[in-house]
C-alpha cells in the first residue's frame, strides 16, 4: 500500500533531519520535495531549518509551484522552480533533494566536476556528477542551467552553490546525495595523497555492464556523454575517444558502439 500524504510528510521531515545532522546543510539551507501525482507535490518551506521540521511545516504545490495548501507562517521553498523543472523533464522521478554537502559543494565552488572513476560503487550507482553553470538562487536561471543534464544524469553539482539529486522515491534521492558527498570526500582525500588511481576504460565498461544486469533505475552516463571535450567531460570511458570533440552520431550509434565495447571487454 502506498504511504498516505501524512506519512510522506513525516518522511520528508526525517530526511531533513538526516541532511542536517550529516552537515549537508546549515541554518535554513536546502530543500526537499516529493511528487504525489502529476498535479500535486509536497515540499519543504522556505526560511526553516531542515533539521527541526514537523509534518505541519510541509507545503503542497501544483506543477507550476503555486501553493495548494500551506499552514500559516509557511510558504514553499524559493527553489521550488528547480524541483519542478526536474519533474517536468523526468517522468520517472518522484523526489528531489537539494543540499550543500561540504565536500561536494567545495568541488562545485572550485569548478571541479565529480568525474573520475575511482570506486565501483560510485560508477555503478551514481555515475558522473557534472557541474551546472551558476544561476541566481530562486530565479529560473538555476532550472535553466540544470535542464541540459536532467535527461542523462541523476545528480548534478550547482556551480558555487551545492548539489541536486533526484530519483524514483525520496529515500533513493537522499541516498544519491549521500553518495555524491562520500564520493567527493574520497576524491578530495585521495588528491591529498598524491592523486587517485582511476579505473581504466575496460574496468569502467564492465561496471556499466553490471549496472545494466542489475537493472538499476534512473539514468546513467553509460550511454551518452554530453560533455566530451569540455571542462565537464566525465572521463568515464563511455564515449568514443579522438580529438576531444563532442562524440558524433545518433544516440543509437553511440549505444551500439558502447555495447560492442562492453561485449569485447567481456570476451564475448
C-alpha atoms as a PDB file:
ATOM      1  CA  UNK A   1       0.000   0.000   0.000  1.00  0.00           C
ATOM      2  CA  UNK A   2       1.343   3.416  -0.931  1.00  0.00           C
ATOM      3  CA  UNK A   3       2.028   5.705   2.042  1.00  0.00           C
ATOM      4  CA  UNK A   4      -0.563   8.367   2.709  1.00  0.00           C
ATOM      5  CA  UNK A   5       0.191  12.061   2.477  1.00  0.00           C
ATOM      6  CA  UNK A   6       0.848  12.470   6.192  1.00  0.00           C
ATOM      7  CA  UNK A   7       3.342   9.606   6.179  1.00  0.00           C
ATOM      8  CA  UNK A   8       5.181  11.215   3.255  1.00  0.00           C
ATOM      9  CA  UNK A   9       5.334  14.489   5.192  1.00  0.00           C
ATOM     10  CA  UNK A  10       6.859  12.596   8.112  1.00  0.00           C
ATOM     11  CA  UNK A  11       9.411  11.030   5.783  1.00  0.00           C
ATOM     12  CA  UNK A  12      10.357  14.450   4.399  1.00  0.00           C
ATOM     13  CA  UNK A  13      10.946  15.636   7.972  1.00  0.00           C
ATOM     14  CA  UNK A  14      13.079  12.564   8.676  1.00  0.00           C
ATOM     15  CA  UNK A  15      15.214  13.133   5.594  1.00  0.00           C
ATOM     16  CA  UNK A  16      15.501  16.790   6.604  1.00  0.00           C
ATOM     17  CA  UNK A  17      16.925  15.697   9.956  1.00  0.00           C
ATOM     18  CA  UNK A  18      19.374  13.384   8.212  1.00  0.00           C
ATOM     19  CA  UNK A  19      20.789  16.035   5.891  1.00  0.00           C
ATOM     20  CA  UNK A  20      21.010  18.487   8.806  1.00  0.00           C
ATOM     21  CA  UNK A  21      22.686  16.034  11.176  1.00  0.00           C
ATOM     22  CA  UNK A  22      25.185  14.991   8.491  1.00  0.00           C
ATOM     23  CA  UNK A  23      26.241  18.629   7.984  1.00  0.00           C
ATOM     24  CA  UNK A  24      24.822  18.679   4.464  1.00  0.00           C
ATOM     25  CA  UNK A  25      23.004  21.926   5.247  1.00  0.00           C
ATOM     26  CA  UNK A  26      23.455  24.826   7.654  1.00  0.00           C
ATOM     27  CA  UNK A  27      20.828  27.066   9.203  1.00  0.00           C
ATOM     28  CA  UNK A  28      17.834  27.155   6.797  1.00  0.00           C
ATOM     29  CA  UNK A  29      19.645  25.817   3.719  1.00  0.00           C
ATOM     30  CA  UNK A  30      18.440  23.044   1.423  1.00  0.00           C
ATOM     31  CA  UNK A  31      15.053  21.838   0.253  1.00  0.00           C
ATOM     32  CA  UNK A  32      13.194  18.594  -0.386  1.00  0.00           C
ATOM     33  CA  UNK A  33      10.183  17.706  -2.495  1.00  0.00           C
ATOM     34  CA  UNK A  34       8.064  14.651  -3.306  1.00  0.00           C
ATOM     35  CA  UNK A  35       5.672  14.106  -6.200  1.00  0.00           C
ATOM     36  CA  UNK A  36       2.229  12.887  -5.153  1.00  0.00           C
ATOM     37  CA  UNK A  37       0.803  12.894  -8.678  1.00  0.00           C
ATOM     38  CA  UNK A  38       1.112  14.972 -11.846  1.00  0.00           C
ATOM     39  CA  UNK A  39      -0.709  17.894 -10.235  1.00  0.00           C
ATOM     40  CA  UNK A  40       0.336  17.771  -6.561  1.00  0.00           C
ATOM     41  CA  UNK A  41       3.717  17.951  -4.872  1.00  0.00           C
ATOM     42  CA  UNK A  42       4.879  18.245  -1.277  1.00  0.00           C
ATOM     43  CA  UNK A  43       7.851  20.451  -0.444  1.00  0.00           C
ATOM     44  CA  UNK A  44       9.763  21.926   2.458  1.00  0.00           C
ATOM     45  CA  UNK A  45       9.070  25.566   3.391  1.00  0.00           C
ATOM     46  CA  UNK A  46      11.427  28.478   2.976  1.00  0.00           C
ATOM     47  CA  UNK A  47      13.243  30.012   5.931  1.00  0.00           C
ATOM     48  CA  UNK A  48      13.098  26.904   8.120  1.00  0.00           C
ATOM     49  CA  UNK A  49      15.885  24.642   9.354  1.00  0.00           C
ATOM     50  CA  UNK A  50      15.516  21.240   7.747  1.00  0.00           C
ATOM     51  CA  UNK A  51      16.648  19.620  10.989  1.00  0.00           C
ATOM     52  CA  UNK A  52      13.681  20.823  13.027  1.00  0.00           C
ATOM     53  CA  UNK A  53      10.632  20.299  10.847  1.00  0.00           C
ATOM     54  CA  UNK A  54       7.382  18.572  11.737  1.00  0.00           C
ATOM     55  CA  UNK A  55       4.670  17.486   9.269  1.00  0.00           C
ATOM     56  CA  UNK A  56       2.649  20.685   9.605  1.00  0.00           C
ATOM     57  CA  UNK A  57       5.602  22.614   8.153  1.00  0.00           C
ATOM     58  CA  UNK A  58       5.291  20.871   4.790  1.00  0.00           C
ATOM     59  CA  UNK A  59       3.603  22.721   1.916  1.00  0.00           C
ATOM     60  CA  UNK A  60       1.650  21.399  -1.073  1.00  0.00           C
ATOM     61  CA  UNK A  61       2.065  22.960  -4.512  1.00  0.00           C
ATOM     62  CA  UNK A  62       0.867  22.323  -8.047  1.00  0.00           C
ATOM     63  CA  UNK A  63       3.013  21.545 -11.102  1.00  0.00           C
ATOM     64  CA  UNK A  64       3.744  25.271 -11.523  1.00  0.00           C
ATOM     65  CA  UNK A  65       4.898  25.681  -7.954  1.00  0.00           C
ATOM     66  CA  UNK A  66       1.746  27.543  -6.911  1.00  0.00           C
ATOM     67  CA  UNK A  67       0.520  26.949  -3.367  1.00  0.00           C
ATOM     68  CA  UNK A  68      -2.311  24.476  -2.929  1.00  0.00           C
ATOM     69  CA  UNK A  69      -2.034  24.228   0.835  1.00  0.00           C
ATOM     70  CA  UNK A  70       0.323  25.726   3.422  1.00  0.00           C
ATOM     71  CA  UNK A  71      -0.213  26.359   7.096  1.00  0.00           C
ATOM     72  CA  UNK A  72       0.009  29.904   8.431  1.00  0.00           C
ATOM     73  CA  UNK A  73       3.574  31.160   8.584  1.00  0.00           C
ATOM     74  CA  UNK A  74       4.877  28.744   5.949  1.00  0.00           C
ATOM     75  CA  UNK A  75       5.401  29.119   2.227  1.00  0.00           C
ATOM     76  CA  UNK A  76       7.137  26.835  -0.295  1.00  0.00           C
ATOM     77  CA  UNK A  77      10.872  26.861  -0.785  1.00  0.00           C
ATOM     78  CA  UNK A  78      12.106  29.666  -3.008  1.00  0.00           C
ATOM     79  CA  UNK A  79      13.904  26.976  -5.037  1.00  0.00           C
ATOM     80  CA  UNK A  80      10.702  25.148  -5.980  1.00  0.00           C
ATOM     81  CA  UNK A  81      11.209  26.162  -9.631  1.00  0.00           C
ATOM     82  CA  UNK A  82      14.311  23.955  -9.730  1.00  0.00           C
ATOM     83  CA  UNK A  83      12.386  20.964  -8.402  1.00  0.00           C
ATOM     84  CA  UNK A  84       9.516  21.483 -10.816  1.00  0.00           C
ATOM     85  CA  UNK A  85      11.898  21.511 -13.772  1.00  0.00           C
ATOM     86  CA  UNK A  86      13.228  18.107 -12.737  1.00  0.00           C
ATOM     87  CA  UNK A  87       9.717  16.647 -12.525  1.00  0.00           C
ATOM     88  CA  UNK A  88       8.759  18.229 -15.839  1.00  0.00           C
ATOM     89  CA  UNK A  89      11.685  16.679 -17.713  1.00  0.00           C
ATOM     90  CA  UNK A  90      11.927  13.342 -15.886  1.00  0.00           C
ATOM     91  CA  UNK A  91       8.639  11.457 -15.607  1.00  0.00           C
ATOM     92  CA  UNK A  92      10.412   8.654 -13.702  1.00  0.00           C
ATOM     93  CA  UNK A  93      11.383  10.983 -10.842  1.00  0.00           C
ATOM     94  CA  UNK A  94       9.241  11.220  -7.713  1.00  0.00           C
ATOM     95  CA  UNK A  95      11.570  13.002  -5.293  1.00  0.00           C
ATOM     96  CA  UNK A  96      14.241  15.715  -5.376  1.00  0.00           C
ATOM     97  CA  UNK A  97      16.800  16.699  -2.734  1.00  0.00           C
ATOM     98  CA  UNK A  98      18.887  19.877  -2.722  1.00  0.00           C
ATOM     99  CA  UNK A  99      21.629  20.332  -0.133  1.00  0.00           C
ATOM    100  CA  UNK A 100      25.044  21.890   0.451  1.00  0.00           C
ATOM    101  CA  UNK A 101      27.225  18.923   1.496  1.00  0.00           C
ATOM    102  CA  UNK A 102      30.624  20.356   2.357  1.00  0.00           C
ATOM    103  CA  UNK A 103      32.986  18.310   0.192  1.00  0.00           C
ATOM    104  CA  UNK A 104      30.708  18.213  -2.839  1.00  0.00           C
ATOM    105  CA  UNK A 105      29.980  21.922  -2.538  1.00  0.00           C
ATOM    106  CA  UNK A 106      33.702  22.623  -2.260  1.00  0.00           C
ATOM    107  CA  UNK A 107      34.148  20.913  -5.644  1.00  0.00           C
ATOM    108  CA  UNK A 108      31.238  22.970  -7.008  1.00  0.00           C
ATOM    109  CA  UNK A 109      32.841  26.181  -5.745  1.00  0.00           C
ATOM    110  CA  UNK A 110      36.203  25.183  -7.232  1.00  0.00           C
ATOM    111  CA  UNK A 111      34.516  24.364 -10.535  1.00  0.00           C
ATOM    112  CA  UNK A 112      35.614  20.715 -10.489  1.00  0.00           C
ATOM    113  CA  UNK A 113      33.024  18.097 -11.545  1.00  0.00           C
ATOM    114  CA  UNK A 114      32.986  14.688  -9.868  1.00  0.00           C
ATOM    115  CA  UNK A 115      34.068  12.760 -12.920  1.00  0.00           C
ATOM    116  CA  UNK A 116      36.942  10.485 -12.001  1.00  0.00           C
ATOM    117  CA  UNK A 117      36.083   6.745 -11.901  1.00  0.00           C
ATOM    118  CA  UNK A 118      37.744   5.762  -8.629  1.00  0.00           C
ATOM    119  CA  UNK A 119      35.444   3.269  -6.887  1.00  0.00           C
ATOM    120  CA  UNK A 120      32.982   0.616  -8.134  1.00  0.00           C
ATOM    121  CA  UNK A 121      30.004   1.816  -6.106  1.00  0.00           C
ATOM    122  CA  UNK A 122      30.224   5.358  -7.496  1.00  0.00           C
ATOM    123  CA  UNK A 123      30.480   4.167 -11.099  1.00  0.00           C
ATOM    124  CA  UNK A 124      27.605   1.688 -10.772  1.00  0.00           C
ATOM    125  CA  UNK A 125      25.124   3.515  -8.545  1.00  0.00           C
ATOM    126  CA  UNK A 126      25.891   7.167  -9.175  1.00  0.00           C
ATOM    127  CA  UNK A 127      27.775   7.700 -12.397  1.00  0.00           C
ATOM    128  CA  UNK A 128      29.427  11.015 -13.075  1.00  0.00           C
ATOM    129  CA  UNK A 129      28.286  14.240 -11.498  1.00  0.00           C
ATOM    130  CA  UNK A 130      28.727  17.231 -13.828  1.00  0.00           C
ATOM    131  CA  UNK A 131      28.533  20.895 -12.845  1.00  0.00           C
ATOM    132  CA  UNK A 132      25.618  23.028 -13.975  1.00  0.00           C
ATOM    133  CA  UNK A 133      26.634  26.649 -14.635  1.00  0.00           C
ATOM    134  CA  UNK A 134      25.946  29.218 -11.938  1.00  0.00           C
ATOM    135  CA  UNK A 135      22.440  30.607 -11.627  1.00  0.00           C
ATOM    136  CA  UNK A 136      20.930  33.106  -9.227  1.00  0.00           C
ATOM    137  CA  UNK A 137      19.008  31.286  -6.451  1.00  0.00           C
ATOM    138  CA  UNK A 138      15.183  31.478  -6.540  1.00  0.00           C
ATOM    139  CA  UNK A 139      15.172  32.511 -10.236  1.00  0.00           C
ATOM    140  CA  UNK A 140      14.673  30.447 -13.383  1.00  0.00           C
ATOM    141  CA  UNK A 141      18.419  30.678 -14.019  1.00  0.00           C
ATOM    142  CA  UNK A 142      19.104  27.544 -11.971  1.00  0.00           C
ATOM    143  CA  UNK A 143      16.366  25.392 -13.583  1.00  0.00           C
ATOM    144  CA  UNK A 144      17.590  26.547 -16.996  1.00  0.00           C
ATOM    145  CA  UNK A 145      21.186  25.651 -16.075  1.00  0.00           C
ATOM    146  CA  UNK A 146      20.225  22.233 -14.715  1.00  0.00           C
ATOM    147  CA  UNK A 147      17.874  21.213 -17.533  1.00  0.00           C
ATOM    148  CA  UNK A 148      20.524  20.016 -20.049  1.00  0.00           C
ATOM    149  CA  UNK A 149      21.751  17.448 -17.506  1.00  0.00           C
ATOM    150  CA  UNK A 150      18.396  16.009 -16.462  1.00  0.00           C
ATOM    151  CA  UNK A 151      17.985  13.560 -19.328  1.00  0.00           C
ATOM    152  CA  UNK A 152      21.250  11.717 -18.789  1.00  0.00           C
ATOM    153  CA  UNK A 153      22.256  12.118 -15.137  1.00  0.00           C
ATOM    154  CA  UNK A 154      20.771  11.531 -11.683  1.00  0.00           C
ATOM    155  CA  UNK A 155      22.825  14.110  -9.793  1.00  0.00           C
ATOM    156  CA  UNK A 156      24.457  17.424 -10.553  1.00  0.00           C
ATOM    157  CA  UNK A 157      26.635  19.953  -8.786  1.00  0.00           C
ATOM    158  CA  UNK A 158      25.410  23.536  -8.865  1.00  0.00           C
ATOM    159  CA  UNK A 159      28.308  25.879  -9.537  1.00  0.00           C
ATOM    160  CA  UNK A 160      29.246  27.859  -6.394  1.00  0.00           C
ATOM    161  CA  UNK A 161      26.049  26.623  -4.733  1.00  0.00           C
ATOM    162  CA  UNK A 162      25.596  22.975  -3.762  1.00  0.00           C
ATOM    163  CA  UNK A 163      24.250  19.698  -5.115  1.00  0.00           C
ATOM    164  CA  UNK A 164      20.970  18.374  -6.504  1.00  0.00           C
ATOM    165  CA  UNK A 165      19.879  14.730  -6.667  1.00  0.00           C
ATOM    166  CA  UNK A 166      16.673  13.054  -7.836  1.00  0.00           C
ATOM    167  CA  UNK A 167      15.237   9.539  -8.029  1.00  0.00           C
ATOM    168  CA  UNK A 168      12.119   7.381  -8.028  1.00  0.00           C
ATOM    169  CA  UNK A 169      11.474   7.827  -4.310  1.00  0.00           C
ATOM    170  CA  UNK A 170      12.648  10.100  -1.522  1.00  0.00           C
ATOM    171  CA  UNK A 171      14.970   7.656   0.207  1.00  0.00           C
ATOM    172  CA  UNK A 172      16.725   6.875  -3.070  1.00  0.00           C
ATOM    173  CA  UNK A 173      17.115  10.592  -3.855  1.00  0.00           C
ATOM    174  CA  UNK A 174      18.600  11.143  -0.403  1.00  0.00           C
ATOM    175  CA  UNK A 175      20.941   8.169  -0.802  1.00  0.00           C
ATOM    176  CA  UNK A 176      22.233   9.696  -4.019  1.00  0.00           C
ATOM    177  CA  UNK A 177      23.054  12.859  -2.084  1.00  0.00           C
ATOM    178  CA  UNK A 178      24.947  10.753   0.462  1.00  0.00           C
ATOM    179  CA  UNK A 179      26.786   9.034  -2.384  1.00  0.00           C
ATOM    180  CA  UNK A 180      27.716  12.357  -4.003  1.00  0.00           C
ATOM    181  CA  UNK A 181      29.187  13.622  -0.739  1.00  0.00           C
ATOM    182  CA  UNK A 182      31.011  10.360   0.017  1.00  0.00           C
ATOM    183  CA  UNK A 183      32.481  10.309  -3.484  1.00  0.00           C
ATOM    184  CA  UNK A 184      33.570  13.949  -3.154  1.00  0.00           C
ATOM    185  CA  UNK A 185      35.193  13.355   0.223  1.00  0.00           C
ATOM    186  CA  UNK A 186      37.125  10.319  -1.018  1.00  0.00           C
ATOM    187  CA  UNK A 187      38.253  12.157  -4.138  1.00  0.00           C
ATOM    188  CA  UNK A 188      39.384  15.144  -2.058  1.00  0.00           C
ATOM    189  CA  UNK A 189      41.369  12.962   0.342  1.00  0.00           C
ATOM    190  CA  UNK A 190      42.883  10.884  -2.455  1.00  0.00           C
ATOM    191  CA  UNK A 191      44.126  14.103  -4.044  1.00  0.00           C
ATOM    192  CA  UNK A 192      45.888  14.971  -0.800  1.00  0.00           C
ATOM    193  CA  UNK A 193      47.689  11.628  -1.011  1.00  0.00           C
ATOM    194  CA  UNK A 194      49.042  12.338  -4.466  1.00  0.00           C
ATOM    195  CA  UNK A 195      46.012  11.727  -6.651  1.00  0.00           C
ATOM    196  CA  UNK A 196      43.525   8.876  -7.099  1.00  0.00           C
ATOM    197  CA  UNK A 197      44.198   5.833  -9.221  1.00  0.00           C
ATOM    198  CA  UNK A 198      41.452   5.820 -11.837  1.00  0.00           C
ATOM    199  CA  UNK A 199      39.871   2.745 -13.375  1.00  0.00           C
ATOM    200  CA  UNK A 200      40.844   2.091 -16.962  1.00  0.00           C
ATOM    201  CA  UNK A 201      38.222   2.088 -19.702  1.00  0.00           C
ATOM    202  CA  UNK A 202      37.701  -1.686 -19.702  1.00  0.00           C
ATOM    203  CA  UNK A 203      37.074  -1.715 -15.959  1.00  0.00           C
ATOM    204  CA  UNK A 204      34.547   1.092 -16.246  1.00  0.00           C
ATOM    205  CA  UNK A 205      32.735  -0.658 -19.079  1.00  0.00           C
ATOM    206  CA  UNK A 206      32.493  -3.869 -17.048  1.00  0.00           C
ATOM    207  CA  UNK A 207      30.999  -1.886 -14.177  1.00  0.00           C
ATOM    208  CA  UNK A 208      28.474  -0.374 -16.591  1.00  0.00           C
ATOM    209  CA  UNK A 209      27.531  -3.884 -17.697  1.00  0.00           C
ATOM    210  CA  UNK A 210      26.980  -4.870 -14.064  1.00  0.00           C
ATOM    211  CA  UNK A 211      24.705  -1.861 -13.701  1.00  0.00           C
ATOM    212  CA  UNK A 212      22.671  -2.957 -16.717  1.00  0.00           C
ATOM    213  CA  UNK A 213      22.396  -6.523 -15.440  1.00  0.00           C
ATOM    214  CA  UNK A 214      21.250  -5.276 -12.032  1.00  0.00           C
ATOM    215  CA  UNK A 215      18.550  -3.175 -13.676  1.00  0.00           C
ATOM    216  CA  UNK A 216      19.282  -0.137 -11.530  1.00  0.00           C
ATOM    217  CA  UNK A 217      16.612   2.520 -12.193  1.00  0.00           C
ATOM    218  CA  UNK A 218      17.387   6.059 -13.234  1.00  0.00           C
ATOM    219  CA  UNK A 219      19.757   7.389 -15.858  1.00  0.00           C
ATOM    220  CA  UNK A 220      23.456   6.993 -16.142  1.00  0.00           C
ATOM    221  CA  UNK A 221      26.119   8.422 -18.478  1.00  0.00           C
ATOM    222  CA  UNK A 222      26.990   4.953 -19.746  1.00  0.00           C
ATOM    223  CA  UNK A 223      25.004   5.613 -22.892  1.00  0.00           C
ATOM    224  CA  UNK A 224      25.789   9.193 -23.783  1.00  0.00           C
ATOM    225  CA  UNK A 225      28.284  11.867 -22.777  1.00  0.00           C
ATOM    226  CA  UNK A 226      27.040  15.426 -23.128  1.00  0.00           C
ATOM    227  CA  UNK A 227      30.331  16.928 -22.086  1.00  0.00           C
ATOM    228  CA  UNK A 228      33.065  15.317 -24.177  1.00  0.00           C
ATOM    229  CA  UNK A 229      35.826  17.820 -24.846  1.00  0.00           C
ATOM    230  CA  UNK A 230      34.596  20.312 -22.253  1.00  0.00           C
ATOM    231  CA  UNK A 231      35.656  21.148 -18.727  1.00  0.00           C
ATOM    232  CA  UNK A 232      32.791  18.960 -17.545  1.00  0.00           C
ATOM    233  CA  UNK A 233      33.699  15.852 -19.562  1.00  0.00           C
ATOM    234  CA  UNK A 234      33.027  12.991 -17.186  1.00  0.00           C
ATOM    235  CA  UNK A 235      36.072  10.968 -18.296  1.00  0.00           C
ATOM    236  CA  UNK A 236      34.249   7.718 -17.648  1.00  0.00           C
ATOM    237  CA  UNK A 237      35.149   5.834 -20.800  1.00  0.00           C
ATOM    238  CA  UNK A 238      31.613   5.700 -22.129  1.00  0.00           C
ATOM    239  CA  UNK A 239      32.159   7.938 -25.122  1.00  0.00           C
ATOM    240  CA  UNK A 240      34.410   7.490 -28.083  1.00  0.00           C
ATOM    241  CA  UNK A 241      37.912   8.880 -27.934  1.00  0.00           C
ATOM    242  CA  UNK A 242      39.542  11.003 -30.560  1.00  0.00           C
ATOM    243  CA  UNK A 243      40.362  14.661 -30.872  1.00  0.00           C
ATOM    244  CA  UNK A 244      38.486  15.607 -27.736  1.00  0.00           C
ATOM    245  CA  UNK A 245      35.453  16.946 -29.557  1.00  0.00           C
ATOM    246  CA  UNK A 246      31.871  16.040 -28.844  1.00  0.00           C
ATOM    247  CA  UNK A 247      31.004  12.479 -29.834  1.00  0.00           C
ATOM    248  CA  UNK A 248      29.238  12.415 -33.195  1.00  0.00           C
ATOM    249  CA  UNK A 249      26.325  10.365 -34.440  1.00  0.00           C
ATOM    250  CA  UNK A 250      22.932   9.443 -33.135  1.00  0.00           C
ATOM    251  CA  UNK A 251      22.144   8.063 -29.685  1.00  0.00           C
ATOM    252  CA  UNK A 252      21.535   4.672 -31.305  1.00  0.00           C
ATOM    253  CA  UNK A 253      25.010   4.666 -32.853  1.00  0.00           C
ATOM    254  CA  UNK A 254      26.565   5.590 -29.533  1.00  0.00           C
ATOM    255  CA  UNK A 255      24.696   2.842 -27.708  1.00  0.00           C
ATOM    256  CA  UNK A 256      25.688   0.327 -30.416  1.00  0.00           C
ATOM    257  CA  UNK A 257      29.330   1.294 -30.133  1.00  0.00           C
ATOM    258  CA  UNK A 258      29.269   1.081 -26.339  1.00  0.00           C
ATOM    259  CA  UNK A 259      27.598  -2.342 -26.476  1.00  0.00           C
ATOM    260  CA  UNK A 260      30.327  -3.617 -28.799  1.00  0.00           C
ATOM    261  CA  UNK A 261      32.990  -2.367 -26.419  1.00  0.00           C
ATOM    262  CA  UNK A 262      31.307  -3.964 -23.404  1.00  0.00           C
ATOM    263  CA  UNK A 263      30.926  -7.321 -25.143  1.00  0.00           C
ATOM    264  CA  UNK A 264      34.532  -7.193 -26.330  1.00  0.00           C
ATOM    265  CA  UNK A 265      35.763  -6.412 -22.821  1.00  0.00           C
ATOM    266  CA  UNK A 266      33.829  -9.398 -21.522  1.00  0.00           C
ATOM    267  CA  UNK A 267      35.367 -11.678 -24.142  1.00  0.00           C
ATOM    268  CA  UNK A 268      32.090 -12.274 -25.994  1.00  0.00           C
END
